[in-house]
Structure formats: C-alpha cells, structure tokens
Amino acid sequence: MAAAPDWTLGSCCNASQIVFCALFGVFLVVNYALWNFAIMKPVKLIAVFVHEMSHAMACWMTGGSVKAIEVHSDEGGVTKYVGGIRYVVVPAGYLGGAFWGGVFVVLSGNRVASTISASIFCLALLVSLKYSPNGTMVALNLGFLLLTVGFILLDWFVYTPLLEYVILYYGVSIGSFSVYDIYDDLITRTVDGSDAKACHELIPCCLPRCVGVQFALVALAFQAAGVYLALVWMGTQ
C-alpha cells in the first residue's frame, strides 16, 4: 500500500529521491556544458517542437484550426492556424514548453507514469505529421519516435528504470530550453515576430521585455513545481 503524501517533504530523501535529485542536477550541468555543441541540436529541436505543438493544442482547445506545424534547423519554428483565441494561443508556446517540461519531470518518478507520458509524447509526434510538416520536422519526429519506442521496449523487457531516467532527461531539457529561450529571445532583446512581441500587440500596455520576465517566472515555477511534485510522489512509493 502506498504511503500518504508527505507534502512537507519532512521524510525526504529515500534512495529514489536521492537518485532523482542527483540526475536532475547532472542533466542540467551536462546540458549547460554541451549547449553549443552539435550533439545538443536534436534536443533543442525537440524542445522547439514542443513549443510549436503547444501553440497548436491551444488553438484546438479554443476552437481554431491548425494548418501547418514546422520546426526549422535554425531552432525556429512556426504554427500556422486560423481561428482560436489569440490571447490563449500566443503565450502557449513558451509557457507550454515549460509546462510540459515540468509534467515530464513529475511523471519520471514512476514506471507506469513514465510509460504513459512517453506514449503520449509518441502520439504527439505522429499526430503533428498530419499538419504539413517540413523536412526537418519529419526527420526529427520519426527519429524521436523510434528512440522513445525503443526506450519503452528496453525498459519493459530488458532493464528498468531506464525509461524513468529518459523521461526525466526530456523534462529537464525541454524545461530548461524553454527558460533559456525566454531569456535569450524575450528579455535580453526584442525579436520581431516573437510571442512576446505578439503579446505586446494584443495588450499594448505590456512591453515585450515585461512579458518575457513574466514568462520566465512562470517557466521557472513550472520546473520547481515539477521537482516538488515528483519528490512528493516518490515519497509515497
């Protein structure tokens, strides 16, 4: 029987919680050290995919229609849509990336939850290919689809907890990329065509850099919440 949640984390940390915290820190350090190397390119591009997919989901949830989703090799992307509520769709990219990064971090604390999150991720990779993707996105999605399915099979038939560590890495990478992207695109400079610029056009009193700071605080909160909830969950096992 699972123990009652310890919301104060007073009984932290058991073995799984220690491994989780150590890996979270290691993944952050490794990503930072390799950030400008080519090996990080696929990781950055999959974070861009999550950003664009978040725009698409916000569009669908508010009654709009998505025409195309693209990820470009220069780490940019675009979601073409009609309808929907722009006040929801525009900020959904940066905030959605941070949100899903936090969700992956939470779900990395359990084998079944990791499998479910990996399966949903694979479904998103497949569904998005219906929306006029460019060549870079097709290659990216198929590559991560095969990789993630491979990790699921390895975890269930060869070695566990491999998938939990993979999902944690996805969460850390997507979340940290979102925070960095917000800082680089929205706070240090104002980029024409950025989501912050679009938010400023919707709400003129909110300057682009101000929007960027707000996005950054929310993105950091998502990551912190992900770590906290994962530790609480692992404390019940």
C-alpha atoms as a PDB file:
ATOM      1  CA  MET A   1       0.000   0.000   0.000  1.00  0.00           C
ATOM      2  CA  ALA A   2       1.282   3.447  -0.904  1.00  0.00           C
ATOM      3  CA  ALA A   3       2.041   5.827   1.943  1.00  0.00           C
ATOM      4  CA  ALA A   4       0.139   9.080   2.361  1.00  0.00           C
ATOM      5  CA  PRO A   5       1.742  12.030   0.519  1.00  0.00           C
ATOM      6  CA  ASP A   6       4.212  13.979   2.636  1.00  0.00           C
ATOM      7  CA  TRP A   7       3.558  17.485   1.296  1.00  0.00           C
ATOM      8  CA  THR A   8       6.174  18.994   3.625  1.00  0.00           C
ATOM      9  CA  LEU A   9       8.874  16.565   2.394  1.00  0.00           C
ATOM     10  CA  GLY A  10       9.799  16.074   6.029  1.00  0.00           C
ATOM     11  CA  SER A  11      10.776  12.444   5.386  1.00  0.00           C
ATOM     12  CA  CYS A  12      12.880  13.227   2.290  1.00  0.00           C
ATOM     13  CA  CYS A  13      15.010  11.689   0.985  1.00  0.00           C
ATOM     14  CA  ASN A  14      14.777   7.976   0.208  1.00  0.00           C
ATOM     15  CA  ALA A  15      17.001   6.232  -2.334  1.00  0.00           C
ATOM     16  CA  SER A  16      14.819   7.023  -5.359  1.00  0.00           C
ATOM     17  CA  GLN A  17      14.502  10.671  -4.350  1.00  0.00           C
ATOM     18  CA  ILE A  18      18.286  10.979  -3.983  1.00  0.00           C
ATOM     19  CA  VAL A  19      18.826   9.449  -7.445  1.00  0.00           C
ATOM     20  CA  PHE A  20      16.169  11.766  -8.890  1.00  0.00           C
ATOM     21  CA  CYS A  21      17.793  14.903  -7.419  1.00  0.00           C
ATOM     22  CA  ALA A  22      21.269  13.789  -8.488  1.00  0.00           C
ATOM     23  CA  LEU A  23      20.184  13.063 -12.062  1.00  0.00           C
ATOM     24  CA  PHE A  24      18.227  16.311 -12.304  1.00  0.00           C
ATOM     25  CA  GLY A  25      21.382  18.215 -11.361  1.00  0.00           C
ATOM     26  CA  VAL A  26      23.621  16.128 -13.633  1.00  0.00           C
ATOM     27  CA  PHE A  27      21.310  16.613 -16.613  1.00  0.00           C
ATOM     28  CA  LEU A  28      21.280  20.382 -16.073  1.00  0.00           C
ATOM     29  CA  VAL A  29      25.078  20.542 -15.843  1.00  0.00           C
ATOM     30  CA  VAL A  30      25.620  18.272 -18.870  1.00  0.00           C
ATOM     31  CA  ASN A  31      23.183  20.266 -20.995  1.00  0.00           C
ATOM     32  CA  TYR A  32      24.858  23.518 -19.977  1.00  0.00           C
ATOM     33  CA  ALA A  33      28.340  22.153 -20.730  1.00  0.00           C
ATOM     34  CA  LEU A  34      27.314  20.820 -24.161  1.00  0.00           C
ATOM     35  CA  TRP A  35      24.868  23.610 -25.046  1.00  0.00           C
ATOM     36  CA  ASN A  36      26.864  24.960 -28.002  1.00  0.00           C
ATOM     37  CA  PHE A  37      27.903  21.560 -29.367  1.00  0.00           C
ATOM     38  CA  ALA A  38      26.196  19.808 -32.286  1.00  0.00           C
ATOM     39  CA  ILE A  39      25.202  16.864 -30.077  1.00  0.00           C
ATOM     40  CA  MET A  40      22.584  19.106 -28.423  1.00  0.00           C
ATOM     41  CA  LYS A  41      20.932  20.066 -31.718  1.00  0.00           C
ATOM     42  CA  PRO A  42      18.252  17.314 -31.697  1.00  0.00           C
ATOM     43  CA  VAL A  43      17.402  18.113 -28.067  1.00  0.00           C
ATOM     44  CA  LYS A  44      16.970  21.810 -28.859  1.00  0.00           C
ATOM     45  CA  LEU A  45      14.845  20.992 -31.897  1.00  0.00           C
ATOM     46  CA  ILE A  46      12.545  18.670 -29.953  1.00  0.00           C
ATOM     47  CA  ALA A  47      12.051  21.487 -27.440  1.00  0.00           C
ATOM     48  CA  VAL A  48      11.088  23.728 -30.387  1.00  0.00           C
ATOM     49  CA  PHE A  49       8.626  21.020 -31.475  1.00  0.00           C
ATOM     50  CA  VAL A  50       7.002  21.019 -28.022  1.00  0.00           C
ATOM     51  CA  HIS A  51       6.800  24.833 -28.211  1.00  0.00           C
ATOM     52  CA  GLU A  52       5.012  24.712 -31.570  1.00  0.00           C
ATOM     53  CA  MET A  53       2.797  21.805 -30.537  1.00  0.00           C
ATOM     54  CA  SER A  54       1.724  23.828 -27.508  1.00  0.00           C
ATOM     55  CA  HIS A  55       0.564  26.610 -29.834  1.00  0.00           C
ATOM     56  CA  ALA A  56      -1.366  24.003 -31.828  1.00  0.00           C
ATOM     57  CA  MET A  57      -3.025  22.490 -28.753  1.00  0.00           C
ATOM     58  CA  ALA A  58      -4.060  25.927 -27.506  1.00  0.00           C
ATOM     59  CA  CYS A  59      -5.549  26.636 -30.926  1.00  0.00           C
ATOM     60  CA  TRP A  60      -7.544  23.379 -30.915  1.00  0.00           C
ATOM     61  CA  MET A  61      -8.714  23.923 -27.339  1.00  0.00           C
ATOM     62  CA  THR A  62     -10.099  27.350 -28.231  1.00  0.00           C
ATOM     63  CA  GLY A  63     -11.928  26.249 -31.370  1.00  0.00           C
ATOM     64  CA  GLY A  64      -9.313  27.089 -34.004  1.00  0.00           C
ATOM     65  CA  SER A  65      -7.895  25.082 -36.888  1.00  0.00           C
ATOM     66  CA  VAL A  66      -4.202  24.286 -37.372  1.00  0.00           C
ATOM     67  CA  LYS A  67      -2.964  24.396 -40.951  1.00  0.00           C
ATOM     68  CA  ALA A  68       0.740  23.603 -40.530  1.00  0.00           C
ATOM     69  CA  ILE A  69       3.390  22.914 -37.893  1.00  0.00           C
ATOM     70  CA  GLU A  70       7.039  23.385 -38.782  1.00  0.00           C
ATOM     71  CA  VAL A  71      10.380  23.071 -36.993  1.00  0.00           C
ATOM     72  CA  HIS A  72      13.376  24.669 -38.670  1.00  0.00           C
ATOM     73  CA  SER A  73      17.017  23.653 -38.438  1.00  0.00           C
ATOM     74  CA  ASP A  74      17.968  27.118 -37.129  1.00  0.00           C
ATOM     75  CA  GLU A  75      15.985  26.280 -33.943  1.00  0.00           C
ATOM     76  CA  GLY A  76      12.996  28.315 -35.049  1.00  0.00           C
ATOM     77  CA  GLY A  77       9.510  27.123 -35.828  1.00  0.00           C
ATOM     78  CA  VAL A  78       6.050  28.232 -36.835  1.00  0.00           C
ATOM     79  CA  THR A  79       2.483  27.102 -36.276  1.00  0.00           C
ATOM     80  CA  LYS A  80       0.041  28.307 -38.913  1.00  0.00           C
ATOM     81  CA  TYR A  81      -3.552  28.451 -37.772  1.00  0.00           C
ATOM     82  CA  VAL A  82      -6.888  30.180 -38.209  1.00  0.00           C
ATOM     83  CA  GLY A  83      -9.434  30.963 -35.535  1.00  0.00           C
ATOM     84  CA  GLY A  84      -8.912  30.191 -31.889  1.00  0.00           C
ATOM     85  CA  ILE A  85      -8.388  32.739 -29.137  1.00  0.00           C
ATOM     86  CA  ARG A  86      -5.115  34.583 -29.759  1.00  0.00           C
ATOM     87  CA  TYR A  87      -4.858  35.645 -26.122  1.00  0.00           C
ATOM     88  CA  VAL A  88      -4.503  31.923 -25.330  1.00  0.00           C
ATOM     89  CA  VAL A  89      -2.654  30.688 -28.417  1.00  0.00           C
ATOM     90  CA  VAL A  90       0.134  33.301 -28.479  1.00  0.00           C
ATOM     91  CA  PRO A  91       1.616  32.710 -24.983  1.00  0.00           C
ATOM     92  CA  ALA A  92       1.067  28.944 -25.191  1.00  0.00           C
ATOM     93  CA  GLY A  93       4.385  28.307 -26.970  1.00  0.00           C
ATOM     94  CA  TYR A  94       6.916  29.358 -24.332  1.00  0.00           C
ATOM     95  CA  LEU A  95       4.639  28.574 -21.399  1.00  0.00           C
ATOM     96  CA  GLY A  96       3.540  25.281 -22.929  1.00  0.00           C
ATOM     97  CA  GLY A  97       7.137  24.167 -23.371  1.00  0.00           C
ATOM     98  CA  ALA A  98       7.879  24.953 -19.720  1.00  0.00           C
ATOM     99  CA  PHE A  99       4.639  23.282 -18.610  1.00  0.00           C
ATOM    100  CA  TRP A 100       5.289  20.044 -20.464  1.00  0.00           C
ATOM    101  CA  GLY A 101       8.867  20.032 -19.233  1.00  0.00           C
ATOM    102  CA  GLY A 102       7.512  20.156 -15.682  1.00  0.00           C
ATOM    103  CA  VAL A 103       4.949  17.428 -16.421  1.00  0.00           C
ATOM    104  CA  PHE A 104       7.676  15.120 -17.747  1.00  0.00           C
ATOM    105  CA  VAL A 105       9.726  15.757 -14.608  1.00  0.00           C
ATOM    106  CA  VAL A 106       6.759  14.798 -12.392  1.00  0.00           C
ATOM    107  CA  LEU A 107       5.902  11.670 -14.385  1.00  0.00           C
ATOM    108  CA  SER A 108       9.511  10.470 -14.402  1.00  0.00           C
ATOM    109  CA  GLY A 109       9.080   9.327 -10.812  1.00  0.00           C
ATOM    110  CA  ASN A 110       7.086   6.198 -11.653  1.00  0.00           C
ATOM    111  CA  ARG A 111       7.482   3.433 -14.234  1.00  0.00           C
ATOM    112  CA  VAL A 112       3.849   3.333 -15.365  1.00  0.00           C
ATOM    113  CA  ALA A 113       3.602   7.136 -15.416  1.00  0.00           C
ATOM    114  CA  SER A 114       6.805   7.325 -17.459  1.00  0.00           C
ATOM    115  CA  THR A 115       5.387   4.835 -19.944  1.00  0.00           C
ATOM    116  CA  ILE A 116       2.147   6.806 -20.247  1.00  0.00           C
ATOM    117  CA  SER A 117       3.994  10.101 -20.762  1.00  0.00           C
ATOM    118  CA  ALA A 118       6.319   8.501 -23.328  1.00  0.00           C
ATOM    119  CA  SER A 119       3.307   7.067 -25.172  1.00  0.00           C
ATOM    120  CA  ILE A 120       1.542  10.451 -25.239  1.00  0.00           C
ATOM    121  CA  PHE A 121       4.762  12.041 -26.493  1.00  0.00           C
ATOM    122  CA  CYS A 122       4.950   9.455 -29.300  1.00  0.00           C
ATOM    123  CA  LEU A 123       1.304  10.123 -30.184  1.00  0.00           C
ATOM    124  CA  ALA A 124       2.001  13.877 -30.419  1.00  0.00           C
ATOM    125  CA  LEU A 125       4.989  13.191 -32.678  1.00  0.00           C
ATOM    126  CA  LEU A 126       2.767  11.156 -35.000  1.00  0.00           C
ATOM    127  CA  VAL A 127      -0.313  13.405 -34.983  1.00  0.00           C
ATOM    128  CA  SER A 128       1.706  16.512 -35.804  1.00  0.00           C
ATOM    129  CA  LEU A 129       2.924  14.901 -39.027  1.00  0.00           C
ATOM    130  CA  LYS A 130      -0.582  15.370 -40.452  1.00  0.00           C
ATOM    131  CA  TYR A 131      -0.147  19.141 -40.473  1.00  0.00           C
ATOM    132  CA  SER A 132       2.109  19.925 -43.437  1.00  0.00           C
ATOM    133  CA  PRO A 133       5.427  19.459 -41.629  1.00  0.00           C
ATOM    134  CA  ASN A 134       8.691  20.487 -43.246  1.00  0.00           C
ATOM    135  CA  GLY A 135      11.541  18.038 -43.859  1.00  0.00           C
ATOM    136  CA  THR A 136      13.402  18.885 -40.660  1.00  0.00           C
ATOM    137  CA  MET A 137      10.357  18.163 -38.530  1.00  0.00           C
ATOM    138  CA  VAL A 138       9.611  14.876 -40.304  1.00  0.00           C
ATOM    139  CA  ALA A 139      13.147  13.631 -39.645  1.00  0.00           C
ATOM    140  CA  LEU A 140      13.093  14.935 -36.060  1.00  0.00           C
ATOM    141  CA  ASN A 141       9.747  13.380 -35.191  1.00  0.00           C
ATOM    142  CA  LEU A 142      10.479   9.998 -36.737  1.00  0.00           C
ATOM    143  CA  GLY A 143      13.880   9.910 -35.042  1.00  0.00           C
ATOM    144  CA  PHE A 144      12.485  10.686 -31.571  1.00  0.00           C
ATOM    145  CA  LEU A 145       9.540   8.353 -32.172  1.00  0.00           C
ATOM    146  CA  LEU A 146      11.846   5.406 -32.862  1.00  0.00           C
ATOM    147  CA  LEU A 147      14.140   6.378 -29.991  1.00  0.00           C
ATOM    148  CA  THR A 148      11.333   6.716 -27.452  1.00  0.00           C
ATOM    149  CA  VAL A 149       9.591   3.494 -28.528  1.00  0.00           C
ATOM    150  CA  GLY A 150      12.963   1.768 -28.233  1.00  0.00           C
ATOM    151  CA  PHE A 151      13.397   3.042 -24.672  1.00  0.00           C
ATOM    152  CA  ILE A 152       9.884   1.852 -23.747  1.00  0.00           C
ATOM    153  CA  LEU A 153      10.649  -1.666 -25.017  1.00  0.00           C
ATOM    154  CA  LEU A 154      14.050  -1.750 -23.332  1.00  0.00           C
ATOM    155  CA  ASP A 155      12.554  -0.664 -20.026  1.00  0.00           C
ATOM    156  CA  TRP A 156       9.788  -3.270 -20.018  1.00  0.00           C
ATOM    157  CA  PHE A 157      11.745  -6.190 -21.443  1.00  0.00           C
ATOM    158  CA  VAL A 158      15.432  -5.626 -20.673  1.00  0.00           C
ATOM    159  CA  TYR A 159      16.221  -3.127 -17.917  1.00  0.00           C
ATOM    160  CA  THR A 160      14.305  -0.820 -15.626  1.00  0.00           C
ATOM    161  CA  PRO A 161      14.253   2.117 -14.562  1.00  0.00           C
ATOM    162  CA  LEU A 162      15.743   3.235 -17.885  1.00  0.00           C
ATOM    163  CA  LEU A 163      12.577   4.921 -19.172  1.00  0.00           C
ATOM    164  CA  GLU A 164      12.120   6.959 -15.990  1.00  0.00           C
ATOM    165  CA  TYR A 165      15.586   8.453 -16.476  1.00  0.00           C
ATOM    166  CA  VAL A 166      14.886   9.172 -20.150  1.00  0.00           C
ATOM    167  CA  ILE A 167      11.616  10.961 -19.352  1.00  0.00           C
ATOM    168  CA  LEU A 168      13.386  12.940 -16.631  1.00  0.00           C
ATOM    169  CA  TYR A 169      16.002  13.983 -19.193  1.00  0.00           C
ATOM    170  CA  TYR A 170      13.279  15.015 -21.632  1.00  0.00           C
ATOM    171  CA  GLY A 171      11.632  17.082 -18.913  1.00  0.00           C
ATOM    172  CA  VAL A 172      14.821  18.767 -17.760  1.00  0.00           C
ATOM    173  CA  SER A 173      15.909  19.516 -21.322  1.00  0.00           C
ATOM    174  CA  ILE A 174      12.572  20.834 -22.589  1.00  0.00           C
ATOM    175  CA  GLY A 175      12.004  22.893 -19.452  1.00  0.00           C
ATOM    176  CA  SER A 176      15.497  24.380 -19.298  1.00  0.00           C
ATOM    177  CA  PHE A 177      15.460  25.142 -23.033  1.00  0.00           C
ATOM    178  CA  SER A 178      12.172  26.991 -22.563  1.00  0.00           C
ATOM    179  CA  VAL A 179      13.656  29.103 -19.761  1.00  0.00           C
ATOM    180  CA  TYR A 180      16.793  29.855 -21.795  1.00  0.00           C
ATOM    181  CA  ASP A 181      14.755  30.616 -24.914  1.00  0.00           C
ATOM    182  CA  ILE A 182      12.586  33.067 -22.980  1.00  0.00           C
ATOM    183  CA  TYR A 183      15.684  34.781 -21.570  1.00  0.00           C
ATOM    184  CA  ASP A 184      17.503  34.928 -24.909  1.00  0.00           C
ATOM    185  CA  ASP A 185      14.558  35.901 -27.144  1.00  0.00           C
ATOM    186  CA  LEU A 186      12.356  37.962 -24.858  1.00  0.00           C
ATOM    187  CA  ILE A 187      14.405  39.503 -22.040  1.00  0.00           C
ATOM    188  CA  THR A 188      17.862  40.302 -23.433  1.00  0.00           C
ATOM    189  CA  ARG A 189      16.400  41.614 -26.685  1.00  0.00           C
ATOM    190  CA  THR A 190      13.132  42.187 -28.504  1.00  0.00           C
ATOM    191  CA  VAL A 191      12.721  39.986 -31.571  1.00  0.00           C
ATOM    192  CA  ASP A 192      10.221  40.985 -34.238  1.00  0.00           C
ATOM    193  CA  GLY A 193       7.709  38.191 -34.701  1.00  0.00           C
ATOM    194  CA  SER A 194       8.320  36.711 -31.235  1.00  0.00           C
ATOM    195  CA  ASP A 195       5.468  35.621 -28.966  1.00  0.00           C
ATOM    196  CA  ALA A 196       6.294  38.470 -26.568  1.00  0.00           C
ATOM    197  CA  LYS A 197       6.019  40.985 -29.395  1.00  0.00           C
ATOM    198  CA  ALA A 198       2.681  39.445 -30.356  1.00  0.00           C
ATOM    199  CA  CYS A 199       1.504  39.681 -26.730  1.00  0.00           C
ATOM    200  CA  HIS A 200       2.521  43.355 -26.714  1.00  0.00           C
ATOM    201  CA  GLU A 201       0.443  43.911 -29.852  1.00  0.00           C
ATOM    202  CA  LEU A 202      -2.552  42.265 -28.175  1.00  0.00           C
ATOM    203  CA  ILE A 203      -2.040  44.138 -24.893  1.00  0.00           C
ATOM    204  CA  PRO A 204      -0.080  47.350 -25.665  1.00  0.00           C
ATOM    205  CA  CYS A 205       0.493  48.194 -22.006  1.00  0.00           C
ATOM    206  CA  CYS A 206       2.651  45.042 -21.625  1.00  0.00           C
ATOM    207  CA  LEU A 207       6.089  45.775 -23.084  1.00  0.00           C
ATOM    208  CA  PRO A 208       7.834  42.789 -24.750  1.00  0.00           C
ATOM    209  CA  ARG A 209      10.590  42.559 -22.109  1.00  0.00           C
ATOM    210  CA  CYS A 210       7.984  42.761 -19.358  1.00  0.00           C
ATOM    211  CA  VAL A 211       6.139  39.877 -20.987  1.00  0.00           C
ATOM    212  CA  GLY A 212       9.429  37.981 -21.163  1.00  0.00           C
ATOM    213  CA  VAL A 213      10.069  38.406 -17.438  1.00  0.00           C
ATOM    214  CA  GLN A 214       6.560  37.165 -16.652  1.00  0.00           C
ATOM    215  CA  PHE A 215       7.041  34.167 -18.948  1.00  0.00           C
ATOM    216  CA  ALA A 216      10.393  33.401 -17.279  1.00  0.00           C
ATOM    217  CA  LEU A 217       8.918  33.456 -13.774  1.00  0.00           C
ATOM    218  CA  VAL A 218       6.087  31.132 -14.797  1.00  0.00           C
ATOM    219  CA  ALA A 219       8.521  28.797 -16.602  1.00  0.00           C
ATOM    220  CA  LEU A 220      10.768  28.576 -13.526  1.00  0.00           C
ATOM    221  CA  ALA A 221       7.703  27.933 -11.374  1.00  0.00           C
ATOM    222  CA  PHE A 222       6.695  25.015 -13.619  1.00  0.00           C
ATOM    223  CA  GLN A 223      10.127  23.434 -13.233  1.00  0.00           C
ATOM    224  CA  ALA A 224      10.151  23.958  -9.463  1.00  0.00           C
ATOM    225  CA  ALA A 225       6.637  22.505  -9.188  1.00  0.00           C
ATOM    226  CA  GLY A 226       7.723  19.522 -11.269  1.00  0.00           C
ATOM    227  CA  VAL A 227      10.625  18.753  -8.931  1.00  0.00           C
ATOM    228  CA  TYR A 228       8.497  19.221  -5.816  1.00  0.00           C
ATOM    229  CA  LEU A 229       5.611  17.042  -7.013  1.00  0.00           C
ATOM    230  CA  ALA A 230       7.988  14.330  -8.227  1.00  0.00           C
ATOM    231  CA  LEU A 231       9.654  14.200  -4.790  1.00  0.00           C
ATOM    232  CA  VAL A 232       6.267  14.048  -3.059  1.00  0.00           C
ATOM    233  CA  TRP A 233       5.128  11.231  -5.350  1.00  0.00           C
ATOM    234  CA  MET A 234       8.326   9.204  -4.936  1.00  0.00           C
ATOM    235  CA  GLY A 235       7.980   9.574  -1.165  1.00  0.00           C
ATOM    236  CA  THR A 236       4.728   7.575  -1.306  1.00  0.00           C
ATOM    237  CA  GLN A 237       6.276   4.574  -3.053  1.00  0.00           C
END
